[in-house]
Amino acid sequence: FLLDLGIAYLVLAGYPRYSEDEEYVLVDNKCKCVTVTSKFVPSKENPDEEILERNIRIIVPLKARENISDPLSPLRTTFVYRMTELCKKCDPVEVELGGEIHQAQQSTSCDEPETCYTYNRDKCYTTTFPILYHGEMRNVKAALTPASCYAD
């Protein structure tokens, strides 16, 4: 962030993808299966100049459901990718302003739920489904991502 008269400006920064590489990861959204990287490359028109190249890698999960927590929901047929949503940062950061520390958020749309196209393996997803047990139908809760739902 850069601060000027109480206004916070976002400075776009990334992290190196590989230690020896000049490519920087700007977005790594596991929920939407998208990675955005950038690096400087020689210009084709003028090899003495460098231009910024952006690479967007999208993995489309072919068997994704409309509701990823419901294995019986219909298959998803529409996938929407908006750079403004992919690049938003909702984790609050501490910013010094006028000698005081304030909590700031880098995006204004963080209250809206994010539509995920695949599971975040660090989050526990569950669903309930009917099962016939000794002639009686019961609803049973099941973990869709068991590794993140149960402690070792």
C-alpha atoms as a PDB file:
ATOM      1  CA  PHE A   1       0.000   0.000   0.000  1.00  0.00           C
ATOM      2  CA  LEU A   2       1.047   3.568  -0.621  1.00  0.00           C
ATOM      3  CA  LEU A   3      -0.585   6.195   1.591  1.00  0.00           C
ATOM      4  CA  ASP A   4      -1.365   9.747   0.516  1.00  0.00           C
ATOM      5  CA  LEU A   5      -3.649  12.072   2.494  1.00  0.00           C
ATOM      6  CA  GLY A   6      -5.545   9.178   4.023  1.00  0.00           C
ATOM      7  CA  ILE A   7      -6.071   7.352   0.725  1.00  0.00           C
ATOM      8  CA  ALA A   8      -4.617   3.869   0.380  1.00  0.00           C
ATOM      9  CA  TYR A   9      -3.325   2.808  -3.040  1.00  0.00           C
ATOM     10  CA  LEU A  10      -2.724  -0.825  -3.893  1.00  0.00           C
ATOM     11  CA  VAL A  11       0.737  -1.663  -5.195  1.00  0.00           C
ATOM     12  CA  LEU A  12       0.485  -4.863  -7.233  1.00  0.00           C
ATOM     13  CA  ALA A  13       3.186  -7.300  -6.225  1.00  0.00           C
ATOM     14  CA  GLY A  14       3.734 -10.981  -6.640  1.00  0.00           C
ATOM     15  CA  TYR A  15       6.184 -13.610  -5.580  1.00  0.00           C
ATOM     16  CA  PRO A  16       8.685 -15.560  -7.696  1.00  0.00           C
ATOM     17  CA  ARG A  17       7.343 -18.834  -9.015  1.00  0.00           C
ATOM     18  CA  TYR A  18      10.772 -20.468  -8.858  1.00  0.00           C
ATOM     19  CA  SER A  19      13.824 -19.067  -7.097  1.00  0.00           C
ATOM     20  CA  GLU A  20      15.887 -18.850 -10.314  1.00  0.00           C
ATOM     21  CA  ASP A  21      12.966 -17.612 -12.403  1.00  0.00           C
ATOM     22  CA  GLU A  22      11.968 -14.055 -13.243  1.00  0.00           C
ATOM     23  CA  GLU A  23       8.291 -15.051 -13.468  1.00  0.00           C
ATOM     24  CA  TYR A  24       6.057 -13.738 -10.677  1.00  0.00           C
ATOM     25  CA  VAL A  25       2.789 -15.261  -9.470  1.00  0.00           C
ATOM     26  CA  LEU A  26       0.148 -12.541  -9.186  1.00  0.00           C
ATOM     27  CA  VAL A  27      -2.874 -14.777  -8.555  1.00  0.00           C
ATOM     28  CA  ASP A  28      -3.068 -18.384  -7.384  1.00  0.00           C
ATOM     29  CA  ASN A  29      -6.786 -18.974  -6.872  1.00  0.00           C
ATOM     30  CA  LYS A  30      -7.295 -22.636  -5.992  1.00  0.00           C
ATOM     31  CA  CYS A  31     -11.054 -22.142  -5.649  1.00  0.00           C
ATOM     32  CA  LYS A  32     -11.373 -21.149  -9.332  1.00  0.00           C
ATOM     33  CA  CYS A  33      -8.351 -23.205 -10.533  1.00  0.00           C
ATOM     34  CA  VAL A  34      -6.587 -20.121 -11.941  1.00  0.00           C
ATOM     35  CA  THR A  35      -2.965 -18.973 -11.838  1.00  0.00           C
ATOM     36  CA  VAL A  36      -1.866 -15.610 -13.250  1.00  0.00           C
ATOM     37  CA  THR A  37       1.849 -14.959 -13.710  1.00  0.00           C
ATOM     38  CA  SER A  38       3.872 -12.135 -15.213  1.00  0.00           C
ATOM     39  CA  LYS A  39       7.441 -11.636 -16.369  1.00  0.00           C
ATOM     40  CA  PHE A  40       9.457  -9.249 -18.482  1.00  0.00           C
ATOM     41  CA  VAL A  41      10.452 -10.565 -21.915  1.00  0.00           C
ATOM     42  CA  PRO A  42      12.368  -8.957 -24.801  1.00  0.00           C
ATOM     43  CA  SER A  43      10.133  -7.027 -27.178  1.00  0.00           C
ATOM     44  CA  LYS A  44       9.768  -8.569 -30.649  1.00  0.00           C
ATOM     45  CA  GLU A  45       9.777  -5.112 -32.249  1.00  0.00           C
ATOM     46  CA  ASN A  46      12.771  -3.825 -30.281  1.00  0.00           C
ATOM     47  CA  PRO A  47      14.973  -6.481 -28.599  1.00  0.00           C
ATOM     48  CA  ASP A  48      16.613  -3.762 -26.457  1.00  0.00           C
ATOM     49  CA  GLU A  49      13.284  -3.167 -24.690  1.00  0.00           C
ATOM     50  CA  GLU A  50      11.414  -5.450 -22.345  1.00  0.00           C
ATOM     51  CA  ILE A  51       7.645  -5.799 -22.220  1.00  0.00           C
ATOM     52  CA  LEU A  52       5.499  -7.275 -19.469  1.00  0.00           C
ATOM     53  CA  GLU A  53       4.000 -10.628 -20.443  1.00  0.00           C
ATOM     54  CA  ARG A  54       1.028 -12.007 -18.506  1.00  0.00           C
ATOM     55  CA  ASN A  55       0.129 -15.678 -18.548  1.00  0.00           C
ATOM     56  CA  ILE A  56      -3.264 -16.880 -17.358  1.00  0.00           C
ATOM     57  CA  ARG A  57      -3.574 -20.619 -16.689  1.00  0.00           C
ATOM     58  CA  ILE A  58      -7.115 -21.916 -16.185  1.00  0.00           C
ATOM     59  CA  ILE A  59      -7.863 -25.539 -15.366  1.00  0.00           C
ATOM     60  CA  VAL A  60     -11.518 -26.309 -16.040  1.00  0.00           C
ATOM     61  CA  PRO A  61     -12.753 -29.131 -13.790  1.00  0.00           C
ATOM     62  CA  LEU A  62     -14.877 -31.133 -16.227  1.00  0.00           C
ATOM     63  CA  LYS A  63     -16.940 -32.935 -13.599  1.00  0.00           C
ATOM     64  CA  ALA A  64     -17.577 -29.913 -11.367  1.00  0.00           C
ATOM     65  CA  ARG A  65     -21.052 -29.629  -9.893  1.00  0.00           C
ATOM     66  CA  GLU A  66     -23.170 -26.465  -9.664  1.00  0.00           C
ATOM     67  CA  ASN A  67     -22.983 -26.933  -5.892  1.00  0.00           C
ATOM     68  CA  ILE A  68     -19.639 -28.567  -5.098  1.00  0.00           C
ATOM     69  CA  SER A  69     -20.956 -29.727  -1.717  1.00  0.00           C
ATOM     70  CA  ASP A  70     -23.837 -31.618  -3.333  1.00  0.00           C
ATOM     71  CA  PRO A  71     -22.693 -34.580  -5.451  1.00  0.00           C
ATOM     72  CA  LEU A  72     -26.231 -34.909  -6.839  1.00  0.00           C
ATOM     73  CA  SER A  73     -26.453 -31.345  -8.202  1.00  0.00           C
ATOM     74  CA  PRO A  74     -26.199 -30.931 -12.001  1.00  0.00           C
ATOM     75  CA  LEU A  75     -22.831 -30.640 -13.719  1.00  0.00           C
ATOM     76  CA  ARG A  76     -21.584 -27.067 -14.054  1.00  0.00           C
ATOM     77  CA  THR A  77     -21.658 -25.803 -17.634  1.00  0.00           C
ATOM     78  CA  THR A  78     -20.766 -22.141 -17.062  1.00  0.00           C
ATOM     79  CA  PHE A  79     -17.441 -20.935 -15.697  1.00  0.00           C
ATOM     80  CA  VAL A  80     -16.944 -17.187 -15.162  1.00  0.00           C
ATOM     81  CA  TYR A  81     -13.534 -15.591 -14.616  1.00  0.00           C
ATOM     82  CA  ARG A  82     -13.249 -11.870 -13.785  1.00  0.00           C
ATOM     83  CA  MET A  83      -9.780 -10.473 -13.162  1.00  0.00           C
ATOM     84  CA  THR A  84     -11.144  -8.029 -10.561  1.00  0.00           C
ATOM     85  CA  GLU A  85     -12.538 -10.942  -8.543  1.00  0.00           C
ATOM     86  CA  LEU A  86      -9.471 -13.131  -9.000  1.00  0.00           C
ATOM     87  CA  CYS A  87      -7.119 -10.370  -7.851  1.00  0.00           C
ATOM     88  CA  LYS A  88      -9.084  -9.224  -4.814  1.00  0.00           C
ATOM     89  CA  LYS A  89      -7.362  -9.590  -1.472  1.00  0.00           C
ATOM     90  CA  CYS A  90      -9.739  -9.884   1.466  1.00  0.00           C
ATOM     91  CA  ASP A  91      -7.334 -10.627   4.295  1.00  0.00           C
ATOM     92  CA  PRO A  92      -7.027  -7.470   6.425  1.00  0.00           C
ATOM     93  CA  VAL A  93      -3.604  -5.859   6.684  1.00  0.00           C
ATOM     94  CA  GLU A  94      -2.293  -3.355   9.203  1.00  0.00           C
ATOM     95  CA  VAL A  95      -1.535   0.094   7.791  1.00  0.00           C
ATOM     96  CA  GLU A  96      -0.007   3.056   9.589  1.00  0.00           C
ATOM     97  CA  LEU A  97      -1.937   6.243   8.918  1.00  0.00           C
ATOM     98  CA  GLY A  98      -1.258   9.478  10.782  1.00  0.00           C
ATOM     99  CA  GLY A  99       0.843   7.660  13.361  1.00  0.00           C
ATOM    100  CA  GLU A 100      -1.956   5.177  14.135  1.00  0.00           C
ATOM    101  CA  ILE A 101      -2.296   1.540  13.069  1.00  0.00           C
ATOM    102  CA  HIS A 102      -5.497   0.723  11.157  1.00  0.00           C
ATOM    103  CA  GLN A 103      -6.898  -2.484   9.689  1.00  0.00           C
ATOM    104  CA  ALA A 104      -7.386  -2.172   5.927  1.00  0.00           C
ATOM    105  CA  GLN A 105      -8.810  -4.425   3.263  1.00  0.00           C
ATOM    106  CA  GLN A 106      -7.547  -4.329  -0.307  1.00  0.00           C
ATOM    107  CA  SER A 107     -10.958  -5.020  -1.838  1.00  0.00           C
ATOM    108  CA  THR A 108     -14.471  -3.667  -1.432  1.00  0.00           C
ATOM    109  CA  SER A 109     -16.365  -6.819  -2.467  1.00  0.00           C
ATOM    110  CA  CYS A 110     -15.209  -9.251   0.210  1.00  0.00           C
ATOM    111  CA  ASP A 111     -18.648  -9.794   1.748  1.00  0.00           C
ATOM    112  CA  GLU A 112     -19.922 -11.494  -1.408  1.00  0.00           C
ATOM    113  CA  PRO A 113     -19.600 -15.301  -1.365  1.00  0.00           C
ATOM    114  CA  GLU A 114     -17.105 -16.747  -3.836  1.00  0.00           C
ATOM    115  CA  THR A 115     -18.311 -19.427  -6.230  1.00  0.00           C
ATOM    116  CA  CYS A 116     -15.801 -22.261  -6.185  1.00  0.00           C
ATOM    117  CA  TYR A 117     -15.374 -24.670  -9.080  1.00  0.00           C
ATOM    118  CA  THR A 118     -13.413 -27.221  -7.054  1.00  0.00           C
ATOM    119  CA  TYR A 119     -12.619 -28.025  -3.455  1.00  0.00           C
ATOM    120  CA  ASN A 120     -10.145 -26.061  -1.414  1.00  0.00           C
ATOM    121  CA  ARG A 121      -8.261 -29.007   0.092  1.00  0.00           C
ATOM    122  CA  ASP A 122      -7.649 -27.034   3.299  1.00  0.00           C
ATOM    123  CA  LYS A 123     -11.392 -26.622   3.940  1.00  0.00           C
ATOM    124  CA  CYS A 124     -13.785 -29.268   5.237  1.00  0.00           C
ATOM    125  CA  TYR A 125     -16.748 -29.924   2.920  1.00  0.00           C
ATOM    126  CA  THR A 126     -19.612 -32.169   4.029  1.00  0.00           C
ATOM    127  CA  THR A 127     -22.962 -33.266   2.675  1.00  0.00           C
ATOM    128  CA  THR A 128     -25.883 -35.332   3.879  1.00  0.00           C
ATOM    129  CA  PHE A 129     -27.374 -38.152   1.880  1.00  0.00           C
ATOM    130  CA  PRO A 130     -30.100 -40.731   2.498  1.00  0.00           C
ATOM    131  CA  ILE A 131     -29.105 -44.302   3.310  1.00  0.00           C
ATOM    132  CA  LEU A 132     -31.266 -47.360   3.872  1.00  0.00           C
ATOM    133  CA  TYR A 133     -30.264 -48.944   7.202  1.00  0.00           C
ATOM    134  CA  HIS A 134     -32.176 -52.006   8.474  1.00  0.00           C
ATOM    135  CA  GLY A 135     -35.164 -51.049   6.323  1.00  0.00           C
ATOM    136  CA  GLU A 136     -35.231 -47.457   7.590  1.00  0.00           C
ATOM    137  CA  MET A 137     -34.155 -44.370   5.608  1.00  0.00           C
ATOM    138  CA  ARG A 138     -31.695 -42.183   7.510  1.00  0.00           C
ATOM    139  CA  ASN A 139     -29.824 -39.020   6.556  1.00  0.00           C
ATOM    140  CA  VAL A 140     -26.108 -39.481   7.103  1.00  0.00           C
ATOM    141  CA  LYS A 141     -23.490 -36.731   7.101  1.00  0.00           C
ATOM    142  CA  ALA A 142     -20.411 -37.526   5.023  1.00  0.00           C
ATOM    143  CA  ALA A 143     -17.108 -35.731   4.474  1.00  0.00           C
ATOM    144  CA  LEU A 144     -16.384 -34.819   0.864  1.00  0.00           C
ATOM    145  CA  THR A 145     -12.797 -33.869   1.771  1.00  0.00           C
ATOM    146  CA  PRO A 146     -11.954 -36.306   4.591  1.00  0.00           C
ATOM    147  CA  ALA A 147      -8.299 -35.286   4.948  1.00  0.00           C
ATOM    148  CA  SER A 148      -9.275 -31.747   5.955  1.00  0.00           C
ATOM    149  CA  CYS A 149     -12.278 -32.759   8.080  1.00  0.00           C
ATOM    150  CA  TYR A 150     -10.594 -35.164  10.487  1.00  0.00           C
ATOM    151  CA  ALA A 151      -7.485 -34.700  12.590  1.00  0.00           C
ATOM    152  CA  ASP A 152      -4.743 -37.309  12.242  1.00  0.00           C
END
